[in-house]
Amino acid sequence: MDILKFDYALVERNGSTKNIIEEFDSQDVMSGHDFIKRNSIPWSSWLCAYRRLFLLENNILFRENVRFEDADYIINCIRIANRIQYAAIVVYNYIMYDSQTTKIRCEKNKIVNFFEQSDRIKEIAYKEQDKDVSNCIMRHHFFMYKMNILRYWWRLSYKDRKELLVTYQPMLPCKDKLVSFIGRYPRLFLMASTVVKPLLPGLRYVYLKIKDRKSSLL
């Protein structure tokens, strides 16, 4: 077995624990390509156990001197794996701390690191010769790009937002309407986001309230 994927428990500061159980379509042994086509790819390297010889033989290493390297690392590992299996067991306790890297307040360098990670995933998609697998990986690039825009990018100054849109452009064509619009009309998107920027915190608050209310009714 090259890779074993398992579940984890999320432990909050107050001590409460929530088991995070994935819904994969099969627990059979399969190739990395089949796994990518049939299941969601985790973005955290600690969600898997890896055969040491598999990593050495394929010279799979973490990128040095970069932040947020987990997602591109595990995507590449799964892409190369010959034998991977999902086991529906909780193996890992993930404890949340306020000082975690992903919880640090938004700053330009951090957001640049997120866009760099998105580009590294795009590079992996380019390397993959199987078109279906490449498209699956590219969707992760698009999703991460969109997440960076909606969650972090808009909080920066106009100058910084403009610089990032020029430096990090999404690959087109793209089925996602927002990402496609940004790629084709970056200046128009920049101006539109500047107009609505003061309203975004309030809109985000309302959105989260509606989302929480819907969840409580389920």
N, C-alpha and C. Protein backbone atom coordinates (compact mmCIF):
# COMPACT_ATOMS: atom_id res chain seq x y z
N MET A 1 0.84 -1.19 0.00
CA MET A 1 0.00 0.00 0.00
C MET A 1 0.88 1.25 0.00
N ASP A 2 0.65 2.15 -0.95
CA ASP A 2 1.43 3.39 -1.00
C ASP A 2 0.88 4.44 -0.03
N ILE A 3 -0.45 4.57 0.01
CA ILE A 3 -1.08 5.59 0.85
C ILE A 3 -2.33 5.02 1.50
N LEU A 4 -2.50 5.33 2.78
CA LEU A 4 -3.72 4.97 3.50
C LEU A 4 -4.38 6.26 3.98
N LYS A 5 -5.60 6.51 3.50
CA LYS A 5 -6.37 7.70 3.89
C LYS A 5 -7.32 7.33 5.02
N PHE A 6 -7.35 8.17 6.09
CA PHE A 6 -8.22 7.88 7.23
C PHE A 6 -8.97 9.14 7.66
N ASP A 7 -9.77 9.03 8.71
CA ASP A 7 -10.55 10.16 9.22
C ASP A 7 -9.88 10.77 10.45
N TYR A 8 -10.44 11.89 10.93
CA TYR A 8 -9.84 12.56 12.08
C TYR A 8 -10.92 13.17 12.98
N ALA A 9 -10.50 13.57 14.16
CA ALA A 9 -11.39 14.22 15.11
C ALA A 9 -10.94 15.66 15.31
N LEU A 10 -11.87 16.60 15.22
CA LEU A 10 -11.58 18.01 15.42
C LEU A 10 -11.82 18.36 16.88
N VAL A 11 -10.79 18.80 17.59
CA VAL A 11 -10.87 19.11 19.01
C VAL A 11 -10.79 20.62 19.20
N GLU A 12 -11.86 21.22 19.72
CA GLU A 12 -11.92 22.66 19.95
C GLU A 12 -11.22 23.04 21.26
N ARG A 13 -11.01 24.33 21.45
CA ARG A 13 -10.33 24.82 22.67
C ARG A 13 -11.11 24.46 23.93
N ASN A 14 -12.47 24.42 23.82
CA ASN A 14 -13.29 24.12 24.99
C ASN A 14 -13.33 22.64 25.31
N GLY A 15 -12.62 21.83 24.52
CA GLY A 15 -12.55 20.40 24.80
C GLY A 15 -13.55 19.56 24.02
N SER A 16 -14.49 20.21 23.33
CA SER A 16 -15.47 19.45 22.55
C SER A 16 -14.80 18.79 21.36
N THR A 17 -15.29 17.62 21.00
CA THR A 17 -14.70 16.84 19.91
C THR A 17 -15.75 16.49 18.87
N LYS A 18 -15.37 16.63 17.62
CA LYS A 18 -16.27 16.29 16.51
C LYS A 18 -15.51 15.40 15.54
N ASN A 19 -16.03 14.20 15.31
CA ASN A 19 -15.40 13.29 14.36
C ASN A 19 -15.72 13.73 12.93
N ILE A 20 -14.69 13.89 12.11
CA ILE A 20 -14.86 14.27 10.72
C ILE A 20 -14.77 13.02 9.86
N ILE A 21 -15.91 12.54 9.39
CA ILE A 21 -15.97 11.31 8.62
C ILE A 21 -16.19 11.64 7.15
N GLU A 22 -15.29 11.16 6.30
CA GLU A 22 -15.42 11.39 4.87
C GLU A 22 -16.44 10.42 4.27
N GLU A 23 -17.01 10.79 3.15
CA GLU A 23 -17.96 9.92 2.45
C GLU A 23 -17.36 9.52 1.10
N PHE A 24 -16.47 8.55 1.12
CA PHE A 24 -15.89 8.05 -0.11
C PHE A 24 -16.75 6.92 -0.66
N ASP A 25 -16.71 6.75 -1.97
CA ASP A 25 -17.61 5.78 -2.59
C ASP A 25 -17.11 4.35 -2.45
N SER A 26 -15.88 4.16 -2.00
CA SER A 26 -15.36 2.80 -1.90
C SER A 26 -14.20 2.74 -0.93
N GLN A 27 -14.07 1.60 -0.25
CA GLN A 27 -12.90 1.36 0.58
C GLN A 27 -11.99 0.32 -0.06
N ASP A 28 -12.16 0.11 -1.36
CA ASP A 28 -11.31 -0.82 -2.09
C ASP A 28 -9.94 -0.19 -2.35
N VAL A 29 -8.95 -1.04 -2.57
CA VAL A 29 -7.64 -0.57 -3.00
C VAL A 29 -7.75 -0.14 -4.45
N MET A 30 -7.23 1.04 -4.78
CA MET A 30 -7.31 1.55 -6.15
C MET A 30 -6.07 2.36 -6.46
N SER A 31 -5.91 2.71 -7.72
CA SER A 31 -4.80 3.57 -8.12
C SER A 31 -5.07 5.01 -7.72
N GLY A 32 -4.02 5.82 -7.68
CA GLY A 32 -4.19 7.23 -7.35
C GLY A 32 -5.07 7.93 -8.35
N HIS A 33 -4.94 7.57 -9.64
CA HIS A 33 -5.78 8.19 -10.67
C HIS A 33 -7.26 7.89 -10.43
N ASP A 34 -7.57 6.63 -10.12
CA ASP A 34 -8.97 6.27 -9.85
C ASP A 34 -9.48 6.98 -8.60
N PHE A 35 -8.63 7.11 -7.60
CA PHE A 35 -9.03 7.78 -6.36
C PHE A 35 -9.40 9.23 -6.64
N ILE A 36 -8.58 9.90 -7.44
CA ILE A 36 -8.83 11.31 -7.77
C ILE A 36 -10.13 11.46 -8.54
N LYS A 37 -10.41 10.54 -9.45
CA LYS A 37 -11.62 10.61 -10.27
C LYS A 37 -12.88 10.32 -9.47
N ARG A 38 -12.76 9.49 -8.41
CA ARG A 38 -13.94 9.00 -7.70
C ARG A 38 -14.18 9.67 -6.35
N ASN A 39 -13.17 10.33 -5.79
CA ASN A 39 -13.29 10.86 -4.43
C ASN A 39 -12.75 12.28 -4.35
N SER A 40 -13.07 12.95 -3.25
CA SER A 40 -12.49 14.25 -2.99
C SER A 40 -11.06 14.07 -2.48
N ILE A 41 -10.20 15.01 -2.79
CA ILE A 41 -8.81 14.94 -2.35
C ILE A 41 -8.64 15.78 -1.09
N PRO A 42 -8.13 15.22 -0.02
CA PRO A 42 -7.89 16.02 1.19
C PRO A 42 -6.77 17.01 0.96
N TRP A 43 -6.80 18.13 1.65
CA TRP A 43 -5.77 19.15 1.48
C TRP A 43 -4.75 19.14 2.61
N SER A 44 -4.85 18.20 3.52
CA SER A 44 -3.91 18.14 4.65
C SER A 44 -3.10 16.85 4.57
N SER A 45 -1.79 16.98 4.60
CA SER A 45 -0.92 15.81 4.45
C SER A 45 -1.04 14.84 5.61
N TRP A 46 -1.44 15.34 6.79
CA TRP A 46 -1.54 14.47 7.96
C TRP A 46 -2.80 13.60 7.94
N LEU A 47 -3.62 13.71 6.91
CA LEU A 47 -4.80 12.86 6.79
C LEU A 47 -4.49 11.52 6.14
N CYS A 48 -3.21 11.31 5.84
CA CYS A 48 -2.81 10.06 5.20
C CYS A 48 -1.54 9.51 5.86
N ALA A 49 -1.38 8.20 5.74
CA ALA A 49 -0.13 7.54 6.10
C ALA A 49 0.53 7.10 4.80
N TYR A 50 1.84 7.30 4.69
CA TYR A 50 2.54 7.05 3.45
C TYR A 50 3.60 5.96 3.63
N ARG A 51 3.75 5.11 2.64
CA ARG A 51 4.82 4.12 2.65
C ARG A 51 6.13 4.84 2.37
N ARG A 52 7.09 4.69 3.26
CA ARG A 52 8.34 5.43 3.16
C ARG A 52 9.05 5.17 1.84
N LEU A 53 9.11 3.91 1.42
CA LEU A 53 9.80 3.58 0.18
C LEU A 53 9.13 4.22 -1.03
N PHE A 54 7.81 4.33 -0.99
CA PHE A 54 7.07 5.00 -2.07
C PHE A 54 7.53 6.45 -2.21
N LEU A 55 7.68 7.15 -1.09
CA LEU A 55 8.12 8.55 -1.13
C LEU A 55 9.56 8.67 -1.63
N LEU A 56 10.43 7.75 -1.18
CA LEU A 56 11.84 7.79 -1.58
C LEU A 56 12.01 7.47 -3.06
N GLU A 57 11.31 6.44 -3.52
CA GLU A 57 11.44 6.02 -4.92
C GLU A 57 10.98 7.10 -5.90
N ASN A 58 9.99 7.86 -5.49
CA ASN A 58 9.44 8.91 -6.36
C ASN A 58 9.98 10.29 -6.03
N ASN A 59 10.93 10.34 -5.08
CA ASN A 59 11.55 11.60 -4.69
C ASN A 59 10.51 12.68 -4.37
N ILE A 60 9.51 12.29 -3.59
CA ILE A 60 8.43 13.21 -3.21
C ILE A 60 8.82 13.93 -1.92
N LEU A 61 9.01 15.22 -2.03
CA LEU A 61 9.45 16.03 -0.91
C LEU A 61 8.55 17.26 -0.77
N PHE A 62 8.49 17.79 0.44
CA PHE A 62 7.81 19.07 0.62
C PHE A 62 8.64 20.19 0.01
N ARG A 63 7.97 21.17 -0.56
CA ARG A 63 8.68 22.36 -1.05
C ARG A 63 9.31 23.07 0.15
N GLU A 64 10.53 23.52 -0.01
CA GLU A 64 11.20 24.23 1.07
C GLU A 64 10.93 25.73 0.98
N ASN A 65 10.94 26.36 2.14
CA ASN A 65 10.80 27.82 2.24
C ASN A 65 9.49 28.34 1.66
N VAL A 66 8.41 27.55 1.80
CA VAL A 66 7.09 28.00 1.39
C VAL A 66 6.11 27.72 2.53
N ARG A 67 5.00 28.45 2.53
CA ARG A 67 3.95 28.21 3.51
C ARG A 67 2.78 27.52 2.82
N PHE A 68 1.98 26.82 3.60
CA PHE A 68 0.77 26.17 3.10
C PHE A 68 1.11 25.17 1.98
N GLU A 69 2.05 24.29 2.26
CA GLU A 69 2.53 23.36 1.25
C GLU A 69 1.78 22.04 1.25
N ASP A 70 0.84 21.85 2.18
CA ASP A 70 0.16 20.57 2.32
C ASP A 70 -0.63 20.16 1.09
N ALA A 71 -1.44 21.07 0.56
CA ALA A 71 -2.39 20.71 -0.50
C ALA A 71 -1.68 20.19 -1.74
N ASP A 72 -0.70 20.93 -2.24
CA ASP A 72 -0.02 20.48 -3.45
C ASP A 72 0.80 19.21 -3.20
N TYR A 73 1.30 19.05 -1.97
CA TYR A 73 2.07 17.85 -1.64
C TYR A 73 1.19 16.60 -1.72
N ILE A 74 0.03 16.63 -1.07
CA ILE A 74 -0.80 15.43 -1.01
C ILE A 74 -1.46 15.16 -2.36
N ILE A 75 -1.80 16.20 -3.12
CA ILE A 75 -2.36 15.99 -4.45
C ILE A 75 -1.35 15.26 -5.33
N ASN A 76 -0.10 15.68 -5.26
CA ASN A 76 0.94 15.04 -6.06
C ASN A 76 1.18 13.60 -5.61
N CYS A 77 1.16 13.37 -4.30
CA CYS A 77 1.34 12.01 -3.78
C CYS A 77 0.25 11.07 -4.30
N ILE A 78 -1.00 11.50 -4.20
CA ILE A 78 -2.11 10.66 -4.63
C ILE A 78 -2.05 10.44 -6.14
N ARG A 79 -1.67 11.46 -6.88
CA ARG A 79 -1.57 11.34 -8.34
C ARG A 79 -0.59 10.26 -8.76
N ILE A 80 0.49 10.13 -8.03
CA ILE A 80 1.56 9.19 -8.40
C ILE A 80 1.31 7.79 -7.85
N ALA A 81 0.52 7.68 -6.77
CA ALA A 81 0.36 6.40 -6.07
C ALA A 81 -0.24 5.31 -6.97
N ASN A 82 0.29 4.10 -6.82
CA ASN A 82 -0.25 2.93 -7.52
C ASN A 82 -1.34 2.24 -6.72
N ARG A 83 -1.20 2.30 -5.39
CA ARG A 83 -2.16 1.62 -4.51
C ARG A 83 -2.51 2.54 -3.35
N ILE A 84 -3.78 2.92 -3.28
CA ILE A 84 -4.26 3.78 -2.20
C ILE A 84 -5.60 3.25 -1.71
N GLN A 85 -5.85 3.41 -0.41
CA GLN A 85 -7.08 2.90 0.16
C GLN A 85 -7.59 3.85 1.24
N TYR A 86 -8.90 3.96 1.32
CA TYR A 86 -9.54 4.74 2.39
C TYR A 86 -10.03 3.81 3.47
N ALA A 87 -9.69 4.12 4.72
CA ALA A 87 -10.15 3.35 5.88
C ALA A 87 -11.00 4.26 6.76
N ALA A 88 -12.25 3.88 7.00
CA ALA A 88 -13.19 4.71 7.75
C ALA A 88 -12.94 4.58 9.26
N ILE A 89 -11.76 5.03 9.68
CA ILE A 89 -11.39 5.00 11.10
C ILE A 89 -10.80 6.34 11.48
N VAL A 90 -11.06 6.78 12.71
CA VAL A 90 -10.51 8.04 13.22
C VAL A 90 -9.14 7.76 13.82
N VAL A 91 -8.12 8.33 13.23
CA VAL A 91 -6.74 8.06 13.65
C VAL A 91 -6.08 9.28 14.27
N TYR A 92 -6.55 10.47 13.91
CA TYR A 92 -5.81 11.70 14.24
C TYR A 92 -6.72 12.67 14.99
N ASN A 93 -6.20 13.28 16.05
CA ASN A 93 -6.88 14.36 16.76
C ASN A 93 -6.28 15.69 16.34
N TYR A 94 -7.09 16.52 15.70
CA TYR A 94 -6.62 17.84 15.24
C TYR A 94 -7.09 18.88 16.24
N ILE A 95 -6.16 19.45 16.99
CA ILE A 95 -6.48 20.40 18.06
C ILE A 95 -6.34 21.82 17.53
N MET A 96 -7.38 22.62 17.72
CA MET A 96 -7.40 23.99 17.22
C MET A 96 -6.80 24.94 18.25
N TYR A 97 -5.83 25.76 17.81
CA TYR A 97 -5.23 26.79 18.65
C TYR A 97 -5.37 28.15 17.98
N ASP A 98 -5.47 29.21 18.78
CA ASP A 98 -5.61 30.54 18.21
C ASP A 98 -4.36 30.98 17.46
N SER A 99 -3.22 30.41 17.80
CA SER A 99 -1.96 30.85 17.21
C SER A 99 -1.61 30.12 15.92
N GLN A 100 -2.52 29.26 15.42
CA GLN A 100 -2.23 28.50 14.22
C GLN A 100 -1.99 29.42 13.01
N THR A 101 -1.16 28.95 12.09
CA THR A 101 -0.82 29.75 10.91
C THR A 101 -2.06 30.18 10.15
N THR A 102 -2.99 29.27 9.97
CA THR A 102 -4.18 29.58 9.18
C THR A 102 -5.14 30.51 9.89
N LYS A 103 -4.90 30.78 11.18
CA LYS A 103 -5.77 31.67 11.93
C LYS A 103 -5.18 33.06 12.07
N ILE A 104 -3.94 33.26 11.58
CA ILE A 104 -3.31 34.57 11.68
C ILE A 104 -4.10 35.58 10.87
N ARG A 105 -4.16 36.82 11.35
CA ARG A 105 -4.92 37.85 10.65
C ARG A 105 -4.42 37.99 9.22
N CYS A 106 -5.30 38.47 8.36
CA CYS A 106 -4.96 38.56 6.94
C CYS A 106 -3.86 39.59 6.71
N GLU A 107 -2.86 39.21 5.97
CA GLU A 107 -1.78 40.11 5.60
C GLU A 107 -1.36 39.76 4.18
N LYS A 108 -0.73 40.70 3.51
CA LYS A 108 -0.42 40.50 2.10
C LYS A 108 0.46 39.28 1.87
N ASN A 109 1.51 39.11 2.66
CA ASN A 109 2.43 37.98 2.46
C ASN A 109 1.72 36.65 2.58
N LYS A 110 0.80 36.56 3.55
CA LYS A 110 0.05 35.32 3.74
C LYS A 110 -0.82 35.04 2.52
N ILE A 111 -1.47 36.07 2.01
CA ILE A 111 -2.36 35.89 0.87
C ILE A 111 -1.57 35.54 -0.39
N VAL A 112 -0.39 36.15 -0.54
CA VAL A 112 0.50 35.79 -1.65
C VAL A 112 0.85 34.31 -1.58
N ASN A 113 1.14 33.82 -0.37
CA ASN A 113 1.46 32.40 -0.18
C ASN A 113 0.30 31.51 -0.62
N PHE A 114 -0.93 31.92 -0.35
CA PHE A 114 -2.10 31.15 -0.78
C PHE A 114 -2.18 31.10 -2.31
N PHE A 115 -1.95 32.24 -2.96
CA PHE A 115 -1.98 32.26 -4.42
C PHE A 115 -0.84 31.43 -5.01
N GLU A 116 0.31 31.44 -4.36
CA GLU A 116 1.43 30.61 -4.82
C GLU A 116 1.08 29.13 -4.72
N GLN A 117 0.39 28.77 -3.65
CA GLN A 117 -0.05 27.38 -3.50
C GLN A 117 -1.01 27.00 -4.62
N SER A 118 -1.91 27.89 -4.94
CA SER A 118 -2.86 27.64 -6.03
C SER A 118 -2.12 27.42 -7.35
N ASP A 119 -1.07 28.20 -7.59
CA ASP A 119 -0.29 28.04 -8.81
C ASP A 119 0.48 26.73 -8.82
N ARG A 120 0.94 26.27 -7.66
CA ARG A 120 1.64 24.99 -7.60
C ARG A 120 0.71 23.84 -7.96
N ILE A 121 -0.54 23.94 -7.54
CA ILE A 121 -1.53 22.92 -7.90
C ILE A 121 -1.78 22.95 -9.40
N LYS A 122 -1.81 24.14 -9.98
CA LYS A 122 -1.98 24.27 -11.43
C LYS A 122 -0.82 23.61 -12.17
N GLU A 123 0.39 23.75 -11.64
CA GLU A 123 1.57 23.13 -12.25
C GLU A 123 1.44 21.61 -12.26
N ILE A 124 0.91 21.05 -11.16
CA ILE A 124 0.71 19.59 -11.08
C ILE A 124 -0.28 19.14 -12.15
N ALA A 125 -1.35 19.92 -12.33
CA ALA A 125 -2.36 19.58 -13.35
C ALA A 125 -1.74 19.58 -14.74
N TYR A 126 -0.83 20.52 -15.00
CA TYR A 126 -0.16 20.58 -16.30
C TYR A 126 0.71 19.35 -16.54
N LYS A 127 1.32 18.82 -15.49
CA LYS A 127 2.22 17.67 -15.62
C LYS A 127 1.46 16.38 -15.92
N GLU A 128 0.21 16.32 -15.46
CA GLU A 128 -0.56 15.08 -15.57
C GLU A 128 -1.01 14.84 -17.01
N GLN A 129 -0.71 13.65 -17.54
CA GLN A 129 -1.07 13.32 -18.92
C GLN A 129 -2.49 12.79 -19.07
N ASP A 130 -3.03 12.21 -18.00
CA ASP A 130 -4.42 11.75 -18.04
C ASP A 130 -5.33 12.99 -17.97
N LYS A 131 -6.08 13.23 -19.04
CA LYS A 131 -6.88 14.45 -19.13
C LYS A 131 -7.92 14.56 -18.02
N ASP A 132 -8.60 13.45 -17.70
CA ASP A 132 -9.62 13.48 -16.65
C ASP A 132 -9.01 13.80 -15.29
N VAL A 133 -7.86 13.20 -14.99
CA VAL A 133 -7.18 13.47 -13.72
C VAL A 133 -6.70 14.92 -13.68
N SER A 134 -6.15 15.38 -14.80
CA SER A 134 -5.69 16.77 -14.88
C SER A 134 -6.83 17.75 -14.63
N ASN A 135 -8.00 17.46 -15.19
CA ASN A 135 -9.16 18.34 -14.99
C ASN A 135 -9.61 18.34 -13.53
N CYS A 136 -9.55 17.17 -12.89
CA CYS A 136 -9.92 17.09 -11.46
C CYS A 136 -8.99 17.94 -10.62
N ILE A 137 -7.70 17.85 -10.91
CA ILE A 137 -6.72 18.63 -10.15
C ILE A 137 -6.88 20.12 -10.43
N MET A 138 -7.17 20.45 -11.69
CA MET A 138 -7.36 21.86 -12.05
C MET A 138 -8.54 22.47 -11.31
N ARG A 139 -9.56 21.66 -11.03
CA ARG A 139 -10.70 22.17 -10.27
C ARG A 139 -10.28 22.59 -8.87
N HIS A 140 -9.28 21.91 -8.31
CA HIS A 140 -8.76 22.33 -7.01
C HIS A 140 -8.07 23.69 -7.12
N HIS A 141 -7.37 23.89 -8.22
CA HIS A 141 -6.74 25.20 -8.46
C HIS A 141 -7.80 26.30 -8.53
N PHE A 142 -8.86 26.06 -9.31
CA PHE A 142 -9.91 27.07 -9.45
C PHE A 142 -10.60 27.35 -8.12
N PHE A 143 -10.89 26.27 -7.38
CA PHE A 143 -11.58 26.44 -6.09
C PHE A 143 -10.72 27.24 -5.12
N MET A 144 -9.41 26.91 -5.07
CA MET A 144 -8.53 27.63 -4.15
C MET A 144 -8.37 29.08 -4.57
N TYR A 145 -8.30 29.33 -5.86
CA TYR A 145 -8.20 30.70 -6.36
C TYR A 145 -9.43 31.51 -5.94
N LYS A 146 -10.60 30.93 -6.14
CA LYS A 146 -11.84 31.60 -5.77
C LYS A 146 -11.92 31.83 -4.27
N MET A 147 -11.51 30.84 -3.48
CA MET A 147 -11.53 30.96 -2.03
C MET A 147 -10.61 32.10 -1.58
N ASN A 148 -9.44 32.22 -2.21
CA ASN A 148 -8.51 33.29 -1.85
C ASN A 148 -9.11 34.66 -2.13
N ILE A 149 -9.82 34.77 -3.26
CA ILE A 149 -10.45 36.04 -3.62
C ILE A 149 -11.54 36.41 -2.61
N LEU A 150 -12.41 35.47 -2.31
CA LEU A 150 -13.57 35.75 -1.46
C LEU A 150 -13.22 35.88 0.01
N ARG A 151 -12.23 35.13 0.45
CA ARG A 151 -11.94 35.09 1.88
C ARG A 151 -10.86 36.08 2.31
N TYR A 152 -9.87 36.35 1.46
CA TYR A 152 -8.72 37.14 1.90
C TYR A 152 -8.42 38.36 1.03
N TRP A 153 -8.39 38.17 -0.27
CA TRP A 153 -7.90 39.20 -1.18
C TRP A 153 -8.61 40.54 -1.03
N TRP A 154 -9.92 40.53 -0.86
CA TRP A 154 -10.70 41.76 -0.84
C TRP A 154 -10.37 42.65 0.35
N ARG A 155 -9.70 42.12 1.37
CA ARG A 155 -9.39 42.90 2.57
C ARG A 155 -8.15 43.77 2.38
N LEU A 156 -7.42 43.57 1.32
CA LEU A 156 -6.18 44.31 1.09
C LEU A 156 -6.47 45.69 0.50
N SER A 157 -5.41 46.50 0.40
CA SER A 157 -5.53 47.82 -0.22
C SER A 157 -5.75 47.68 -1.72
N TYR A 158 -6.19 48.75 -2.34
CA TYR A 158 -6.45 48.74 -3.78
C TYR A 158 -5.17 48.38 -4.54
N LYS A 159 -4.06 48.98 -4.15
CA LYS A 159 -2.78 48.73 -4.82
C LYS A 159 -2.39 47.25 -4.75
N ASP A 160 -2.51 46.67 -3.56
CA ASP A 160 -2.14 45.26 -3.38
C ASP A 160 -3.08 44.33 -4.14
N ARG A 161 -4.37 44.65 -4.12
CA ARG A 161 -5.33 43.81 -4.85
C ARG A 161 -5.06 43.84 -6.34
N LYS A 162 -4.74 45.02 -6.86
CA LYS A 162 -4.43 45.16 -8.29
C LYS A 162 -3.19 44.35 -8.64
N GLU A 163 -2.18 44.43 -7.79
CA GLU A 163 -0.92 43.70 -8.05
C GLU A 163 -1.15 42.19 -8.08
N LEU A 164 -1.97 41.68 -7.17
CA LEU A 164 -2.22 40.25 -7.11
C LEU A 164 -3.03 39.77 -8.32
N LEU A 165 -3.99 40.58 -8.76
CA LEU A 165 -4.78 40.18 -9.94
C LEU A 165 -3.92 40.10 -11.19
N VAL A 166 -2.91 40.98 -11.28
CA VAL A 166 -2.02 40.97 -12.44
C VAL A 166 -1.04 39.80 -12.36
N THR A 167 -0.53 39.54 -11.16
CA THR A 167 0.51 38.51 -10.98
C THR A 167 -0.07 37.11 -11.05
N TYR A 168 -1.24 36.92 -10.44
CA TYR A 168 -1.84 35.58 -10.36
C TYR A 168 -3.17 35.57 -11.11
N GLN A 169 -3.12 35.10 -12.32
CA GLN A 169 -4.31 35.04 -13.15
C GLN A 169 -4.77 33.59 -13.28
N PRO A 170 -6.08 33.36 -13.20
CA PRO A 170 -6.59 31.99 -13.31
C PRO A 170 -6.45 31.46 -14.74
N MET A 171 -6.36 30.15 -14.84
CA MET A 171 -6.29 29.51 -16.16
C MET A 171 -7.67 29.49 -16.79
N LEU A 172 -7.75 29.92 -18.03
CA LEU A 172 -9.01 29.90 -18.77
C LEU A 172 -8.92 28.92 -19.92
N PRO A 173 -10.05 28.31 -20.34
CA PRO A 173 -11.42 28.55 -19.86
C PRO A 173 -11.69 27.90 -18.51
N CYS A 174 -12.70 28.42 -17.83
CA CYS A 174 -13.09 27.90 -16.52
C CYS A 174 -14.61 27.94 -16.42
N LYS A 175 -15.21 26.86 -15.90
CA LYS A 175 -16.66 26.78 -15.79
C LYS A 175 -17.20 27.66 -14.66
N ASP A 176 -16.36 27.95 -13.67
CA ASP A 176 -16.81 28.81 -12.57
C ASP A 176 -16.98 30.24 -13.08
N LYS A 177 -18.16 30.80 -12.93
CA LYS A 177 -18.46 32.10 -13.52
C LYS A 177 -17.62 33.22 -12.91
N LEU A 178 -17.41 33.19 -11.58
CA LEU A 178 -16.64 34.25 -10.95
C LEU A 178 -15.18 34.20 -11.39
N VAL A 179 -14.57 33.01 -11.34
CA VAL A 179 -13.17 32.87 -11.74
C VAL A 179 -13.00 33.24 -13.21
N SER A 180 -13.94 32.83 -14.05
CA SER A 180 -13.87 33.15 -15.47
C SER A 180 -13.97 34.66 -15.69
N PHE A 181 -14.84 35.32 -14.95
CA PHE A 181 -15.00 36.77 -15.08
C PHE A 181 -13.73 37.49 -14.65
N ILE A 182 -13.13 37.04 -13.55
CA ILE A 182 -11.89 37.66 -13.07
C ILE A 182 -10.78 37.51 -14.11
N GLY A 183 -10.68 36.31 -14.68
CA GLY A 183 -9.64 36.06 -15.67
C GLY A 183 -9.79 36.90 -16.93
N ARG A 184 -11.02 37.16 -17.34
CA ARG A 184 -11.27 37.91 -18.58
C ARG A 184 -11.29 39.42 -18.35
N TYR A 185 -11.83 39.83 -17.20
CA TYR A 185 -11.99 41.27 -16.95
C TYR A 185 -11.43 41.64 -15.57
N PRO A 186 -10.13 41.50 -15.36
CA PRO A 186 -9.56 41.78 -14.03
C PRO A 186 -9.75 43.23 -13.57
N ARG A 187 -9.62 44.19 -14.49
CA ARG A 187 -9.77 45.59 -14.11
C ARG A 187 -11.20 45.90 -13.71
N LEU A 188 -12.15 45.37 -14.48
CA LEU A 188 -13.56 45.59 -14.16
C LEU A 188 -13.90 44.96 -12.81
N PHE A 189 -13.39 43.75 -12.57
CA PHE A 189 -13.64 43.10 -11.29
C PHE A 189 -13.02 43.90 -10.15
N LEU A 190 -11.83 44.45 -10.37
CA LEU A 190 -11.16 45.25 -9.35
C LEU A 190 -11.99 46.48 -9.00
N MET A 191 -12.50 47.17 -10.01
CA MET A 191 -13.31 48.37 -9.76
C MET A 191 -14.61 48.01 -9.05
N ALA A 192 -15.26 46.93 -9.50
CA ALA A 192 -16.52 46.51 -8.88
C ALA A 192 -16.32 46.12 -7.42
N SER A 193 -15.23 45.40 -7.15
CA SER A 193 -14.96 44.98 -5.77
C SER A 193 -14.65 46.17 -4.89
N THR A 194 -14.04 47.21 -5.46
CA THR A 194 -13.73 48.42 -4.69
C THR A 194 -15.00 49.14 -4.28
N VAL A 195 -15.99 49.15 -5.17
CA VAL A 195 -17.26 49.82 -4.87
C VAL A 195 -18.01 49.11 -3.74
N VAL A 196 -18.04 47.78 -3.80
CA VAL A 196 -18.84 47.03 -2.82
C VAL A 196 -18.03 46.62 -1.58
N LYS A 197 -16.74 46.93 -1.56
CA LYS A 197 -15.89 46.50 -0.45
C LYS A 197 -16.43 46.92 0.92
N PRO A 198 -16.89 48.16 1.11
CA PRO A 198 -17.42 48.56 2.44
C PRO A 198 -18.62 47.72 2.87
N LEU A 199 -19.34 47.14 1.92
CA LEU A 199 -20.54 46.37 2.25
C LEU A 199 -20.25 44.90 2.54
N LEU A 200 -19.07 44.43 2.16
CA LEU A 200 -18.77 43.01 2.23
C LEU A 200 -18.82 42.43 3.65
N PRO A 201 -18.28 43.10 4.68
CA PRO A 201 -18.38 42.52 6.03
C PRO A 201 -19.82 42.29 6.46
N GLY A 202 -20.71 43.25 6.16
CA GLY A 202 -22.11 43.11 6.52
C GLY A 202 -22.79 41.99 5.74
N LEU A 203 -22.49 41.91 4.43
CA LEU A 203 -23.06 40.84 3.61
C LEU A 203 -22.57 39.47 4.07
N ARG A 204 -21.31 39.41 4.44
CA ARG A 204 -20.75 38.15 4.94
C ARG A 204 -21.43 37.74 6.25
N TYR A 205 -21.69 38.72 7.12
CA TYR A 205 -22.36 38.44 8.40
C TYR A 205 -23.76 37.90 8.17
N VAL A 206 -24.51 38.54 7.28
CA VAL A 206 -25.87 38.09 6.96
C VAL A 206 -25.84 36.68 6.36
N TYR A 207 -24.89 36.45 5.46
CA TYR A 207 -24.77 35.13 4.82
C TYR A 207 -24.53 34.04 5.86
N LEU A 208 -23.62 34.30 6.80
CA LEU A 208 -23.30 33.30 7.82
C LEU A 208 -24.49 33.05 8.75
N LYS A 209 -25.25 34.11 9.05
CA LYS A 209 -26.43 33.96 9.89
C LYS A 209 -27.48 33.08 9.20
N ILE A 210 -27.70 33.33 7.91
CA ILE A 210 -28.66 32.54 7.15
C ILE A 210 -28.19 31.09 7.07
N LYS A 211 -26.90 30.90 6.86
CA LYS A 211 -26.34 29.55 6.76
C LYS A 211 -26.50 28.80 8.08
N ASP A 212 -26.22 29.48 9.21
CA ASP A 212 -26.37 28.86 10.52
C ASP A 212 -27.83 28.51 10.81
N ARG A 213 -28.74 29.39 10.38
CA ARG A 213 -30.17 29.14 10.62
C ARG A 213 -30.63 27.93 9.83
N LYS A 214 -30.18 27.81 8.58
CA LYS A 214 -30.56 26.66 7.77
C LYS A 214 -30.02 25.36 8.39
N SER A 215 -28.80 25.43 8.91
CA SER A 215 -28.18 24.25 9.51
C SER A 215 -28.94 23.81 10.76
N SER A 216 -29.45 24.77 11.53
CA SER A 216 -30.17 24.44 12.76
C SER A 216 -31.53 23.81 12.48
N LEU A 217 -32.03 24.05 11.25
CA LEU A 217 -33.35 23.49 10.90
C LEU A 217 -33.26 22.07 10.34
N LEU A 218 -32.06 21.66 10.03
CA LEU A 218 -31.88 20.32 9.46
C LEU A 218 -32.03 19.23 10.51
